[in-house]
Amino acid sequence: MRITVSGLNMLVTPQTRGYVEYRFFSAAARYAPMVKAIDVVLSRKAFDATIRCSVRIELLPSGQIAVSASAAHANDAVDTTADRAGRQLHRRSARVP
């Protein structure tokens, strides 16, 4: 499972990158056999202080899950998105025979 973290209009510090990797690994670890890659983008709009966390999870053998959330702080946006991604993975795993 590959986890990629990038920033759009903001700097992603090593602490933030580590926290994002930890949260998404924790959310997806139970479903590792079906997860190929997790791509996370943290973004901030120029006119707004809100942070948006968007994630795209590539699944094996095919398919993807896309989830996003916004919050005033990066960690809050990451937490909400990781929780939503975990729920989506759970739903998807229940459908796999």
C-alpha atoms as a PDB file:
ATOM      1  CA  MET A   1       0.000   0.000   0.000  1.00  0.00           C
ATOM      2  CA  ARG A   2       1.469   3.328  -1.123  1.00  0.00           C
ATOM      3  CA  ILE A   3       0.462   6.580   0.616  1.00  0.00           C
ATOM      4  CA  THR A   4       1.232   9.864  -1.162  1.00  0.00           C
ATOM      5  CA  VAL A   5       0.725  13.235   0.551  1.00  0.00           C
ATOM      6  CA  SER A   6       0.863  16.541  -1.326  1.00  0.00           C
ATOM      7  CA  GLY A   7      -0.108  20.142  -0.722  1.00  0.00           C
ATOM      8  CA  LEU A   8      -1.858  22.598  -3.005  1.00  0.00           C
ATOM      9  CA  ASN A   9      -1.342  26.281  -2.124  1.00  0.00           C
ATOM     10  CA  MET A  10       0.151  25.266   1.215  1.00  0.00           C
ATOM     11  CA  LEU A  11       3.289  23.740   2.670  1.00  0.00           C
ATOM     12  CA  VAL A  12       2.969  20.227   4.080  1.00  0.00           C
ATOM     13  CA  THR A  13       5.342  20.019   7.040  1.00  0.00           C
ATOM     14  CA  PRO A  14       7.026  16.733   8.008  1.00  0.00           C
ATOM     15  CA  GLN A  15       4.803  16.594  11.125  1.00  0.00           C
ATOM     16  CA  THR A  16       1.640  16.996   9.058  1.00  0.00           C
ATOM     17  CA  ARG A  17       2.849  14.436   6.504  1.00  0.00           C
ATOM     18  CA  GLY A  18       3.555  11.942   9.295  1.00  0.00           C
ATOM     19  CA  TYR A  19       0.147  12.500  10.864  1.00  0.00           C
ATOM     20  CA  VAL A  20      -1.632  12.057   7.504  1.00  0.00           C
ATOM     21  CA  GLU A  21       0.270   8.832   6.800  1.00  0.00           C
ATOM     22  CA  TYR A  22      -0.518   7.527  10.302  1.00  0.00           C
ATOM     23  CA  ARG A  23      -4.260   8.315  10.095  1.00  0.00           C
ATOM     24  CA  PHE A  24      -4.764   6.836   6.637  1.00  0.00           C
ATOM     25  CA  PHE A  25      -2.635   3.772   7.343  1.00  0.00           C
ATOM     26  CA  SER A  26      -4.674   3.188  10.511  1.00  0.00           C
ATOM     27  CA  ALA A  27      -7.942   3.570   8.604  1.00  0.00           C
ATOM     28  CA  ALA A  28      -6.883   1.256   5.751  1.00  0.00           C
ATOM     29  CA  ALA A  29      -4.686  -1.347   7.511  1.00  0.00           C
ATOM     30  CA  ARG A  30      -7.546  -3.851   7.957  1.00  0.00           C
ATOM     31  CA  TYR A  31      -8.273  -3.628   4.246  1.00  0.00           C
ATOM     32  CA  ALA A  32      -4.650  -3.695   3.004  1.00  0.00           C
ATOM     33  CA  PRO A  33      -5.182  -6.642   0.608  1.00  0.00           C
ATOM     34  CA  MET A  34      -7.708  -4.586  -1.356  1.00  0.00           C
ATOM     35  CA  VAL A  35      -5.880  -1.204  -1.249  1.00  0.00           C
ATOM     36  CA  LYS A  36      -3.304  -0.427  -3.936  1.00  0.00           C
ATOM     37  CA  ALA A  37      -2.604   3.256  -3.261  1.00  0.00           C
ATOM     38  CA  ILE A  38      -3.830   6.225  -1.221  1.00  0.00           C
ATOM     39  CA  ASP A  39      -3.327   9.733  -2.631  1.00  0.00           C
ATOM     40  CA  VAL A  40      -3.995  12.596  -0.205  1.00  0.00           C
ATOM     41  CA  VAL A  41      -4.098  16.284  -1.183  1.00  0.00           C
ATOM     42  CA  LEU A  42      -4.258  19.054   1.419  1.00  0.00           C
ATOM     43  CA  SER A  43      -5.317  22.382  -0.071  1.00  0.00           C
ATOM     44  CA  ARG A  44      -6.078  25.909   1.020  1.00  0.00           C
ATOM     45  CA  LYS A  45      -7.942  28.424  -1.106  1.00  0.00           C
ATOM     46  CA  ALA A  46      -6.317  31.822  -1.442  1.00  0.00           C
ATOM     47  CA  PHE A  47      -9.342  33.724  -0.102  1.00  0.00           C
ATOM     48  CA  ASP A  48     -10.303  31.292   2.657  1.00  0.00           C
ATOM     49  CA  ALA A  49      -8.469  29.925   5.694  1.00  0.00           C
ATOM     50  CA  THR A  50     -10.290  26.579   5.456  1.00  0.00           C
ATOM     51  CA  ILE A  51      -8.176  23.480   4.799  1.00  0.00           C
ATOM     52  CA  ARG A  52      -9.579  20.808   2.477  1.00  0.00           C
ATOM     53  CA  CYS A  53      -8.364  17.215   2.621  1.00  0.00           C
ATOM     54  CA  SER A  54      -9.162  15.158  -0.479  1.00  0.00           C
ATOM     55  CA  VAL A  55      -8.241  11.501  -0.833  1.00  0.00           C
ATOM     56  CA  ARG A  56      -8.423   9.009  -3.669  1.00  0.00           C
ATOM     57  CA  ILE A  57      -7.962   5.334  -2.815  1.00  0.00           C
ATOM     58  CA  GLU A  58      -7.157   2.927  -5.637  1.00  0.00           C
ATOM     59  CA  LEU A  59      -8.523  -0.543  -5.006  1.00  0.00           C
ATOM     60  CA  LEU A  60      -7.448  -3.981  -6.174  1.00  0.00           C
ATOM     61  CA  PRO A  61      -8.315  -5.491  -8.594  1.00  0.00           C
ATOM     62  CA  SER A  62     -10.057  -2.328  -9.817  1.00  0.00           C
ATOM     63  CA  GLY A  63     -12.081   0.637  -8.626  1.00  0.00           C
ATOM     64  CA  GLN A  64     -11.516   3.642  -6.447  1.00  0.00           C
ATOM     65  CA  ILE A  65     -12.948   5.570  -3.531  1.00  0.00           C
ATOM     66  CA  ALA A  66     -12.895   9.375  -3.359  1.00  0.00           C
ATOM     67  CA  VAL A  67     -13.583  11.245  -0.114  1.00  0.00           C
ATOM     68  CA  SER A  68     -13.021  14.818   1.062  1.00  0.00           C
ATOM     69  CA  ALA A  69     -13.678  17.100   4.018  1.00  0.00           C
ATOM     70  CA  SER A  70     -12.961  20.688   5.043  1.00  0.00           C
ATOM     71  CA  ALA A  71     -12.109  22.159   8.422  1.00  0.00           C
ATOM     72  CA  ALA A  72     -10.405  25.139  10.023  1.00  0.00           C
ATOM     73  CA  HIS A  73      -7.334  23.047  10.915  1.00  0.00           C
ATOM     74  CA  ALA A  74      -5.487  20.477   8.812  1.00  0.00           C
ATOM     75  CA  ASN A  75      -5.635  17.757  11.486  1.00  0.00           C
ATOM     76  CA  ASP A  76      -9.423  18.084  11.788  1.00  0.00           C
ATOM     77  CA  ALA A  77      -9.850  17.793   8.011  1.00  0.00           C
ATOM     78  CA  VAL A  78      -7.523  14.766   7.948  1.00  0.00           C
ATOM     79  CA  ASP A  79      -9.369  13.074  10.832  1.00  0.00           C
ATOM     80  CA  THR A  80     -12.775  13.516   9.208  1.00  0.00           C
ATOM     81  CA  THR A  81     -11.549  12.332   5.815  1.00  0.00           C
ATOM     82  CA  ALA A  82      -9.748   9.297   7.281  1.00  0.00           C
ATOM     83  CA  ASP A  83     -12.895   8.280   9.200  1.00  0.00           C
ATOM     84  CA  ARG A  84     -15.024   8.612   6.061  1.00  0.00           C
ATOM     85  CA  ALA A  85     -12.486   6.643   4.023  1.00  0.00           C
ATOM     86  CA  GLY A  86     -12.463   3.864   6.637  1.00  0.00           C
ATOM     87  CA  ARG A  87     -16.259   3.625   6.491  1.00  0.00           C
ATOM     88  CA  GLN A  88     -16.190   3.500   2.686  1.00  0.00           C
ATOM     89  CA  LEU A  89     -13.562   0.744   2.745  1.00  0.00           C
ATOM     90  CA  HIS A  90     -15.683  -1.216   5.214  1.00  0.00           C
ATOM     91  CA  ARG A  91     -18.727  -0.931   2.960  1.00  0.00           C
ATOM     92  CA  ARG A  92     -16.704  -1.916  -0.091  1.00  0.00           C
ATOM     93  CA  SER A  93     -15.153  -4.928   1.680  1.00  0.00           C
ATOM     94  CA  ALA A  94     -18.607  -6.162   2.719  1.00  0.00           C
ATOM     95  CA  ARG A  95     -19.612  -6.291  -0.956  1.00  0.00           C
ATOM     96  CA  VAL A  96     -16.542  -8.249  -2.081  1.00  0.00           C
ATOM     97  CA  PRO A  97     -17.293 -12.008  -2.227  1.00  0.00           C
END
